[in-house]
């Protein structure tokens, strides 16, 4: 009987040792939160911060310009006007500027999937943004 207990303890110890050895040192952060409110970064270093304004509308302003400086965008400039269509989906408009600074607004649809925000009408560095901060 003692031999069976000993084998069990040895097997249990080995199993726990293997399990503990397989744990990730850097855990992967995942989120299923479809909320757009917070800051999101594009591939060129631009950061858009989405918030609810005093009228209850969702706006996005640029807290870092990245490559948008060449189009004469400025810090804290509002570049998005949105409303929530359903869970994780937002519709509205995004501001575009020419290299001369002339602005136009285009229709925009945004899908938030966890820590990734995908846009329909933005330029290449805003097609997919990564969550930097959740407010």
Protein backbone atom coordinates (compact mmCIF):
# COMPACT_ATOMS: atom_id res chain seq x y z
CA UNK A 1 0.00 0.00 0.00
CA UNK A 2 2.87 2.38 0.81
CA UNK A 3 4.37 1.78 -2.64
CA UNK A 4 1.10 2.81 -4.33
CA UNK A 5 0.91 6.02 -2.26
CA UNK A 6 4.55 6.75 -3.05
CA UNK A 7 3.96 6.27 -6.82
CA UNK A 8 0.85 8.47 -6.62
CA UNK A 9 2.76 11.22 -4.84
CA UNK A 10 5.63 11.01 -7.34
CA UNK A 11 3.23 11.14 -10.32
CA UNK A 12 1.29 14.01 -8.76
CA UNK A 13 4.51 15.92 -8.10
CA UNK A 14 5.72 15.37 -11.66
CA UNK A 15 2.37 16.43 -13.08
CA UNK A 16 2.33 19.60 -11.01
CA UNK A 17 5.95 20.31 -11.94
CA UNK A 18 5.21 19.95 -15.64
CA UNK A 19 2.04 22.06 -15.33
CA UNK A 20 3.87 24.79 -13.40
CA UNK A 21 6.72 24.72 -15.92
CA UNK A 22 4.30 25.31 -18.81
CA UNK A 23 2.75 28.45 -17.39
CA UNK A 24 3.43 31.52 -19.50
CA UNK A 25 5.85 34.05 -18.07
CA UNK A 26 4.18 36.87 -20.02
CA UNK A 27 0.44 36.33 -19.85
CA UNK A 28 -1.51 37.35 -22.94
CA UNK A 29 -4.00 40.09 -22.17
CA UNK A 30 -7.29 39.55 -23.90
CA UNK A 31 -10.44 41.54 -23.73
CA UNK A 32 -13.93 41.01 -25.02
CA UNK A 33 -14.90 44.57 -24.17
CA UNK A 34 -16.48 46.14 -27.28
CA UNK A 35 -16.41 49.65 -25.77
CA UNK A 36 -14.63 52.24 -27.92
CA UNK A 37 -14.05 54.71 -25.06
CA UNK A 38 -10.30 55.02 -24.45
CA UNK A 39 -7.11 55.54 -26.44
CA UNK A 40 -6.13 53.63 -29.58
CA UNK A 41 -2.81 53.66 -31.47
CA UNK A 42 -2.18 53.36 -35.20
CA UNK A 43 0.86 51.96 -37.01
CA UNK A 44 2.54 55.38 -37.38
CA UNK A 45 2.26 56.33 -33.70
CA UNK A 46 -0.94 58.37 -33.93
CA UNK A 47 -3.24 57.98 -30.94
CA UNK A 48 -6.96 58.65 -31.06
CA UNK A 49 -8.79 59.08 -27.77
CA UNK A 50 -12.52 58.39 -27.90
CA UNK A 51 -14.78 59.89 -25.23
CA UNK A 52 -18.37 60.94 -24.71
CA UNK A 53 -18.82 64.70 -25.03
CA UNK A 54 -21.19 66.87 -22.95
CA UNK A 55 -24.05 66.10 -25.39
CA UNK A 56 -23.61 62.34 -25.00
CA UNK A 57 -22.05 61.95 -28.47
CA UNK A 58 -18.89 59.93 -29.06
CA UNK A 59 -15.95 61.96 -30.36
CA UNK A 60 -12.39 60.99 -31.14
CA UNK A 61 -9.54 63.47 -30.87
CA UNK A 62 -5.85 63.08 -31.65
CA UNK A 63 -3.71 62.89 -28.51
CA UNK A 64 -0.59 62.00 -30.58
CA UNK A 65 -0.29 62.90 -34.26
CA UNK A 66 2.17 60.36 -35.62
CA UNK A 67 2.08 60.77 -39.41
CA UNK A 68 -0.97 63.04 -39.33
CA UNK A 69 1.18 66.14 -38.76
CA UNK A 70 2.02 66.29 -42.47
CA UNK A 71 -1.70 66.73 -43.17
CA UNK A 72 -1.86 69.70 -40.79
CA UNK A 73 -3.84 67.94 -38.04
CA UNK A 74 -3.27 69.37 -34.57
CA UNK A 75 -3.17 67.85 -31.10
CA UNK A 76 -6.61 67.47 -29.50
CA UNK A 77 -8.31 68.08 -32.85
CA UNK A 78 -11.58 66.17 -33.19
CA UNK A 79 -11.32 63.70 -36.04
CA UNK A 80 -14.31 61.42 -35.39
CA UNK A 81 -18.02 61.91 -34.68
CA UNK A 82 -19.71 58.59 -33.88
CA UNK A 83 -22.72 56.92 -32.37
CA UNK A 84 -23.04 53.35 -31.21
CA UNK A 85 -25.05 51.28 -33.67
CA UNK A 86 -24.95 48.07 -31.61
CA UNK A 87 -22.54 46.21 -29.32
CA UNK A 88 -19.04 46.82 -30.69
CA UNK A 89 -20.19 48.70 -33.81
CA UNK A 90 -20.03 52.48 -34.21
CA UNK A 91 -21.05 54.65 -37.16
CA UNK A 92 -20.47 58.28 -38.02
CA UNK A 93 -17.81 60.32 -39.79
CA UNK A 94 -14.02 60.65 -39.89
CA UNK A 95 -12.15 63.81 -40.85
CA UNK A 96 -9.77 63.69 -43.81
CA UNK A 97 -7.29 66.40 -44.76
CA UNK A 98 -5.24 66.95 -47.91
CA UNK A 99 -1.55 67.79 -47.65
CA UNK A 100 -2.67 71.41 -48.03
CA UNK A 101 -4.88 71.03 -44.96
CA UNK A 102 -8.27 71.10 -46.74
CA UNK A 103 -10.70 69.05 -44.66
CA UNK A 104 -13.57 66.80 -45.66
CA UNK A 105 -15.66 64.33 -43.68
CA UNK A 106 -16.26 60.75 -44.82
CA UNK A 107 -18.76 58.18 -43.57
CA UNK A 108 -17.16 55.75 -41.14
CA UNK A 109 -18.00 52.41 -39.55
CA UNK A 110 -15.87 51.15 -36.67
CA UNK A 111 -15.85 47.64 -35.26
CA UNK A 112 -14.27 47.01 -31.85
CA UNK A 113 -13.14 43.45 -31.20
CA UNK A 114 -11.41 43.23 -27.83
CA UNK A 115 -8.23 45.29 -28.04
CA UNK A 116 -8.47 45.90 -31.82
CA UNK A 117 -10.44 48.67 -33.49
CA UNK A 118 -11.09 48.36 -37.25
CA UNK A 119 -12.21 51.28 -39.41
CA UNK A 120 -13.86 51.37 -42.82
CA UNK A 121 -12.84 54.76 -44.24
CA UNK A 122 -9.62 55.77 -42.52
CA UNK A 123 -6.15 55.70 -44.05
CA UNK A 124 -3.79 52.71 -43.83
CA UNK A 125 -2.45 53.53 -40.34
CA UNK A 126 -5.97 53.79 -38.95
CA UNK A 127 -7.41 50.67 -40.60
CA UNK A 128 -6.50 48.77 -37.42
CA UNK A 129 -5.80 50.48 -34.12
CA UNK A 130 -4.67 48.80 -30.91
CA UNK A 131 -6.07 49.72 -27.49
CA UNK A 132 -3.55 51.73 -25.49
CA UNK A 133 -5.75 52.73 -22.56
CA UNK A 134 -9.29 52.06 -21.48
CA UNK A 135 -10.89 55.10 -19.81
